[in-house]
């Protein structure tokens, strides 16, 4: 039932989009063509970027150093966490060994 309702809503939506597009095509065809000079826009953008003080001091090497140091810190944190998990697991296994008595198998054989 839900799929049927979703399909109906989808179809109605697509029909609505098609109606809007077909109504606007004549209006869009009637608009005058205006060409935007790409080189002029790109030139202005390049000038703004060059005059910006923050981007003048940008260095790819510094960015790489920061990225590598953050990765190093992350790996050190994960290493410390896994080390603590490993220590806990070893402590649990030692506690289980302490609970296990040497004559366990003898007790089991005696009960049979």
N, C-alpha and C. Protein backbone atom coordinates (compact mmCIF):
# COMPACT_ATOMS: atom_id res chain seq x y z
N UNK A 1 0.83 -1.19 0.00
CA UNK A 1 0.00 0.00 0.00
C UNK A 1 0.87 1.25 0.00
N UNK A 2 1.94 1.23 0.84
CA UNK A 2 2.83 2.39 0.90
C UNK A 2 3.55 2.61 -0.43
N UNK A 3 3.90 1.51 -1.08
CA UNK A 3 4.59 1.63 -2.37
C UNK A 3 3.67 2.26 -3.41
N UNK A 4 2.42 1.93 -3.36
CA UNK A 4 1.45 2.49 -4.29
C UNK A 4 1.31 4.00 -4.07
N UNK A 5 1.21 4.40 -2.82
CA UNK A 5 1.10 5.82 -2.50
C UNK A 5 2.36 6.56 -2.94
N UNK A 6 3.54 5.98 -2.68
CA UNK A 6 4.80 6.61 -3.09
C UNK A 6 4.89 6.73 -4.60
N UNK A 7 4.45 5.70 -5.31
CA UNK A 7 4.48 5.73 -6.77
C UNK A 7 3.55 6.81 -7.32
N UNK A 8 2.37 6.95 -6.72
CA UNK A 8 1.41 7.97 -7.16
C UNK A 8 1.98 9.36 -6.93
N UNK A 9 2.59 9.58 -5.77
CA UNK A 9 3.19 10.89 -5.47
C UNK A 9 4.33 11.18 -6.44
N UNK A 10 5.13 10.16 -6.77
CA UNK A 10 6.23 10.34 -7.71
C UNK A 10 5.71 10.73 -9.09
N UNK A 11 4.71 10.04 -9.55
CA UNK A 11 4.14 10.32 -10.88
C UNK A 11 3.54 11.72 -10.92
N UNK A 12 2.80 12.10 -9.89
CA UNK A 12 2.20 13.44 -9.84
C UNK A 12 3.30 14.50 -9.83
N UNK A 13 4.37 14.25 -9.10
CA UNK A 13 5.49 15.20 -9.05
C UNK A 13 6.16 15.36 -10.40
N UNK A 14 6.39 14.25 -11.08
CA UNK A 14 7.02 14.30 -12.41
C UNK A 14 6.13 15.02 -13.41
N UNK A 15 4.83 14.78 -13.34
CA UNK A 15 3.89 15.48 -14.23
C UNK A 15 3.93 16.98 -13.95
N UNK A 16 3.99 17.36 -12.69
CA UNK A 16 4.05 18.78 -12.32
C UNK A 16 5.31 19.45 -12.84
N UNK A 17 6.44 18.76 -12.71
CA UNK A 17 7.70 19.31 -13.23
C UNK A 17 7.63 19.47 -14.74
N UNK A 18 7.07 18.48 -15.44
CA UNK A 18 6.95 18.55 -16.90
C UNK A 18 6.07 19.73 -17.31
N UNK A 19 4.96 19.96 -16.60
CA UNK A 19 4.07 21.09 -16.92
C UNK A 19 4.80 22.41 -16.76
N UNK A 20 5.54 22.56 -15.68
CA UNK A 20 6.28 23.81 -15.45
C UNK A 20 7.32 24.02 -16.54
N UNK A 21 8.03 22.97 -16.93
CA UNK A 21 9.06 23.09 -17.97
C UNK A 21 8.43 23.48 -19.30
N UNK A 22 7.33 22.82 -19.68
CA UNK A 22 6.70 23.14 -20.97
C UNK A 22 6.10 24.54 -20.99
N UNK A 23 5.68 25.06 -19.86
CA UNK A 23 5.16 26.43 -19.82
C UNK A 23 6.28 27.45 -19.92
N UNK A 24 7.46 27.14 -19.41
CA UNK A 24 8.56 28.11 -19.37
C UNK A 24 9.45 28.07 -20.60
N UNK A 25 9.37 27.04 -21.43
CA UNK A 25 10.22 26.96 -22.62
C UNK A 25 10.00 28.15 -23.56
N UNK A 26 8.76 28.55 -23.86
CA UNK A 26 8.60 29.72 -24.75
C UNK A 26 9.17 31.00 -24.15
N UNK A 27 9.06 31.15 -22.85
CA UNK A 27 9.59 32.34 -22.20
C UNK A 27 11.11 32.34 -22.28
N UNK A 28 11.72 31.18 -22.07
CA UNK A 28 13.17 31.08 -22.14
C UNK A 28 13.69 31.29 -23.56
N UNK A 29 12.96 30.84 -24.56
CA UNK A 29 13.37 31.03 -25.95
C UNK A 29 13.31 32.51 -26.31
N UNK A 30 12.35 33.23 -25.75
CA UNK A 30 12.18 34.64 -26.06
C UNK A 30 13.19 35.56 -25.40
N UNK A 31 13.95 35.09 -24.44
CA UNK A 31 14.93 35.93 -23.76
C UNK A 31 16.10 36.24 -24.69
N UNK A 32 16.66 37.45 -24.57
CA UNK A 32 17.82 37.78 -25.40
C UNK A 32 19.06 37.05 -24.89
N UNK A 33 19.94 36.73 -25.81
CA UNK A 33 21.16 36.02 -25.45
C UNK A 33 22.19 37.02 -24.91
N UNK A 34 22.73 36.72 -23.78
CA UNK A 34 23.77 37.55 -23.18
C UNK A 34 24.96 36.64 -22.91
N UNK A 35 26.05 36.98 -23.53
CA UNK A 35 27.25 36.19 -23.32
C UNK A 35 28.08 36.83 -22.22
N UNK A 36 28.47 36.02 -21.30
CA UNK A 36 29.33 36.48 -20.21
C UNK A 36 30.76 36.16 -20.62
N UNK A 37 31.59 37.15 -20.58
CA UNK A 37 32.97 36.92 -20.95
C UNK A 37 33.66 36.16 -19.82
N UNK A 38 34.00 34.93 -20.11
CA UNK A 38 34.60 34.08 -19.10
C UNK A 38 36.00 34.57 -18.71
N UNK A 39 36.74 35.03 -19.68
CA UNK A 39 38.09 35.46 -19.38
C UNK A 39 38.08 36.67 -18.46
N UNK A 40 37.10 37.58 -18.63
CA UNK A 40 37.02 38.77 -17.79
C UNK A 40 36.65 38.38 -16.35
N UNK A 41 35.69 37.48 -16.22
CA UNK A 41 35.27 37.05 -14.89
C UNK A 41 36.40 36.29 -14.20
N UNK A 42 37.06 35.41 -14.92
CA UNK A 42 38.15 34.65 -14.34
C UNK A 42 39.33 35.56 -13.99
N UNK A 43 39.58 36.57 -14.83
CA UNK A 43 40.66 37.50 -14.55
C UNK A 43 40.42 38.29 -13.27
N UNK A 44 39.17 38.74 -13.08
CA UNK A 44 38.83 39.47 -11.86
C UNK A 44 38.97 38.56 -10.63
N UNK A 45 38.56 37.33 -10.79
CA UNK A 45 38.65 36.38 -9.69
C UNK A 45 40.12 36.10 -9.33
N UNK A 46 40.95 35.95 -10.34
CA UNK A 46 42.38 35.72 -10.09
C UNK A 46 43.01 36.92 -9.38
N UNK A 47 42.63 38.13 -9.79
CA UNK A 47 43.17 39.33 -9.14
C UNK A 47 42.76 39.39 -7.68
N UNK A 48 41.52 39.06 -7.39
CA UNK A 48 41.05 39.07 -6.00
C UNK A 48 41.81 38.06 -5.16
N UNK A 49 42.06 36.90 -5.73
CA UNK A 49 42.79 35.86 -5.00
C UNK A 49 44.24 36.28 -4.77
N UNK A 50 44.85 36.88 -5.77
CA UNK A 50 46.25 37.32 -5.63
C UNK A 50 46.39 38.42 -4.59
N UNK A 51 45.40 39.30 -4.52
CA UNK A 51 45.46 40.42 -3.58
C UNK A 51 45.08 40.02 -2.16
N UNK A 52 44.54 38.83 -2.00
CA UNK A 52 44.14 38.36 -0.68
C UNK A 52 45.39 37.98 0.12
N UNK A 53 45.55 38.53 1.30
CA UNK A 53 46.75 38.32 2.10
C UNK A 53 46.86 36.92 2.67
N UNK A 54 45.73 36.27 2.96
CA UNK A 54 45.80 34.94 3.56
C UNK A 54 46.29 33.90 2.56
N UNK A 55 45.95 34.06 1.31
CA UNK A 55 46.37 33.07 0.31
C UNK A 55 47.80 33.31 -0.16
N UNK A 56 48.34 34.50 0.08
CA UNK A 56 49.73 34.75 -0.32
C UNK A 56 50.68 33.90 0.50
N UNK A 57 50.36 33.71 1.76
CA UNK A 57 51.26 32.97 2.64
C UNK A 57 50.96 31.47 2.65
N UNK A 58 50.10 31.00 1.76
CA UNK A 58 49.73 29.59 1.71
C UNK A 58 50.90 28.77 1.20
N UNK A 59 51.16 27.67 1.89
CA UNK A 59 52.23 26.77 1.47
C UNK A 59 51.71 25.34 1.55
N UNK A 60 51.91 24.62 0.49
CA UNK A 60 51.48 23.23 0.45
C UNK A 60 52.25 22.36 1.43
N UNK A 61 53.52 22.70 1.64
CA UNK A 61 54.34 21.92 2.56
C UNK A 61 53.85 22.06 3.99
N UNK A 62 53.46 23.28 4.37
CA UNK A 62 52.96 23.49 5.74
C UNK A 62 51.66 22.73 5.93
N UNK A 63 50.81 22.76 4.92
CA UNK A 63 49.55 22.02 4.99
C UNK A 63 49.83 20.53 5.14
N UNK A 64 50.79 20.02 4.39
CA UNK A 64 51.15 18.60 4.47
C UNK A 64 51.71 18.26 5.85
N UNK A 65 52.54 19.14 6.41
CA UNK A 65 53.08 18.92 7.74
C UNK A 65 51.98 18.84 8.78
N UNK A 66 51.03 19.75 8.70
CA UNK A 66 49.93 19.75 9.66
C UNK A 66 49.09 18.49 9.52
N UNK A 67 48.81 18.10 8.28
CA UNK A 67 48.02 16.91 8.05
C UNK A 67 48.72 15.66 8.58
N UNK A 68 50.01 15.55 8.30
CA UNK A 68 50.76 14.38 8.78
C UNK A 68 50.87 14.36 10.30
N UNK A 69 51.01 15.52 10.93
CA UNK A 69 51.09 15.53 12.39
C UNK A 69 49.76 15.13 13.01
N UNK A 70 48.64 15.54 12.39
CA UNK A 70 47.33 15.13 12.91
C UNK A 70 47.12 13.63 12.73
N UNK A 71 47.56 13.10 11.61
CA UNK A 71 47.46 11.65 11.39
C UNK A 71 48.31 10.91 12.41
N UNK A 72 49.50 11.44 12.69
CA UNK A 72 50.38 10.81 13.68
C UNK A 72 49.75 10.79 15.06
N UNK A 73 49.14 11.91 15.46
CA UNK A 73 48.47 11.98 16.76
C UNK A 73 47.33 10.97 16.81
N UNK A 74 46.57 10.88 15.73
CA UNK A 74 45.46 9.93 15.69
C UNK A 74 45.95 8.49 15.82
N UNK A 75 47.03 8.16 15.13
CA UNK A 75 47.55 6.79 15.24
C UNK A 75 48.11 6.52 16.63
N UNK A 76 48.71 7.52 17.26
CA UNK A 76 49.21 7.32 18.62
C UNK A 76 48.06 7.09 19.60
N UNK A 77 46.97 7.82 19.40
CA UNK A 77 45.80 7.63 20.27
C UNK A 77 45.22 6.24 20.11
N UNK A 78 45.10 5.78 18.85
CA UNK A 78 44.56 4.44 18.64
C UNK A 78 45.50 3.38 19.17
N UNK A 79 46.81 3.60 19.06
CA UNK A 79 47.78 2.65 19.59
C UNK A 79 47.65 2.56 21.11
N UNK A 80 47.49 3.68 21.77
CA UNK A 80 47.34 3.68 23.23
C UNK A 80 46.05 2.96 23.64
N UNK A 81 44.98 3.19 22.90
CA UNK A 81 43.70 2.55 23.22
C UNK A 81 43.79 1.03 23.03
N UNK A 82 44.39 0.59 21.92
CA UNK A 82 44.51 -0.85 21.69
C UNK A 82 45.45 -1.49 22.72
N UNK A 83 46.46 -0.76 23.14
CA UNK A 83 47.37 -1.26 24.18
C UNK A 83 46.62 -1.46 25.50
N UNK A 84 45.76 -0.51 25.85
CA UNK A 84 44.99 -0.66 27.09
C UNK A 84 44.03 -1.85 27.00
N UNK A 85 43.42 -2.05 25.82
CA UNK A 85 42.53 -3.21 25.64
C UNK A 85 43.33 -4.51 25.78
N UNK A 86 44.51 -4.54 25.21
CA UNK A 86 45.34 -5.72 25.29
C UNK A 86 45.74 -6.03 26.72
N UNK A 87 46.08 -5.02 27.49
CA UNK A 87 46.43 -5.21 28.90
C UNK A 87 45.24 -5.76 29.67
N UNK A 88 44.05 -5.24 29.42
CA UNK A 88 42.85 -5.73 30.11
C UNK A 88 42.58 -7.19 29.76
N UNK A 89 42.74 -7.54 28.49
CA UNK A 89 42.53 -8.93 28.08
C UNK A 89 43.52 -9.87 28.75
N UNK A 90 44.77 -9.45 28.85
CA UNK A 90 45.78 -10.28 29.50
C UNK A 90 45.47 -10.45 30.98
N UNK A 91 45.00 -9.39 31.63
CA UNK A 91 44.64 -9.49 33.04
C UNK A 91 43.46 -10.44 33.23
N UNK A 92 42.49 -10.39 32.34
CA UNK A 92 41.36 -11.31 32.45
C UNK A 92 41.80 -12.75 32.29
N UNK A 93 42.69 -12.99 31.33
CA UNK A 93 43.13 -14.37 31.12
C UNK A 93 43.94 -14.86 32.32
N UNK A 94 44.73 -13.99 32.95
CA UNK A 94 45.46 -14.39 34.16
C UNK A 94 44.50 -14.71 35.30
N UNK A 95 43.43 -13.92 35.43
CA UNK A 95 42.44 -14.17 36.48
C UNK A 95 41.74 -15.50 36.24
N UNK A 96 41.45 -15.82 34.99
CA UNK A 96 40.81 -17.10 34.67
C UNK A 96 41.75 -18.26 34.98
N UNK A 97 43.04 -18.08 34.72
CA UNK A 97 44.00 -19.14 35.02
C UNK A 97 44.13 -19.36 36.52
N UNK A 98 44.03 -18.30 37.29
CA UNK A 98 44.12 -18.43 38.75
C UNK A 98 42.92 -19.19 39.30
N UNK A 99 41.75 -19.00 38.69
CA UNK A 99 40.55 -19.68 39.14
C UNK A 99 40.59 -21.17 38.80
N UNK A 100 41.31 -21.53 37.77
CA UNK A 100 41.39 -22.91 37.31
C UNK A 100 42.37 -23.67 38.20
N UNK A 101 41.90 -24.69 38.87
CA UNK A 101 42.76 -25.45 39.78
C UNK A 101 43.47 -26.59 39.03
N UNK A 102 44.59 -27.02 39.57
CA UNK A 102 45.40 -28.05 38.92
C UNK A 102 44.71 -29.42 38.95
N UNK A 103 43.91 -29.68 39.95
CA UNK A 103 43.25 -30.99 40.06
C UNK A 103 41.84 -30.98 39.44
N UNK A 104 41.57 -30.07 38.53
CA UNK A 104 40.26 -29.97 37.91
C UNK A 104 39.89 -31.24 37.17
N UNK A 105 40.83 -31.76 36.38
CA UNK A 105 40.53 -32.94 35.59
C UNK A 105 40.37 -34.18 36.48
N UNK A 106 41.10 -34.21 37.57
CA UNK A 106 40.96 -35.33 38.49
C UNK A 106 39.59 -35.32 39.13
N UNK A 107 39.10 -34.12 39.45
CA UNK A 107 37.76 -34.01 40.04
C UNK A 107 36.70 -34.46 39.04
N UNK A 108 36.87 -34.09 37.77
CA UNK A 108 35.90 -34.52 36.78
C UNK A 108 35.93 -36.03 36.56
N UNK A 109 37.09 -36.62 36.57
CA UNK A 109 37.19 -38.07 36.38
C UNK A 109 36.62 -38.81 37.58
N UNK A 110 36.76 -38.24 38.77
CA UNK A 110 36.24 -38.88 39.96
C UNK A 110 34.73 -38.87 40.01
N UNK A 111 34.09 -37.89 39.42
CA UNK A 111 32.62 -37.79 39.45
C UNK A 111 31.99 -38.77 38.47
N UNK A 112 32.69 -39.18 37.45
CA UNK A 112 32.11 -40.09 36.45
C UNK A 112 31.94 -41.43 36.95
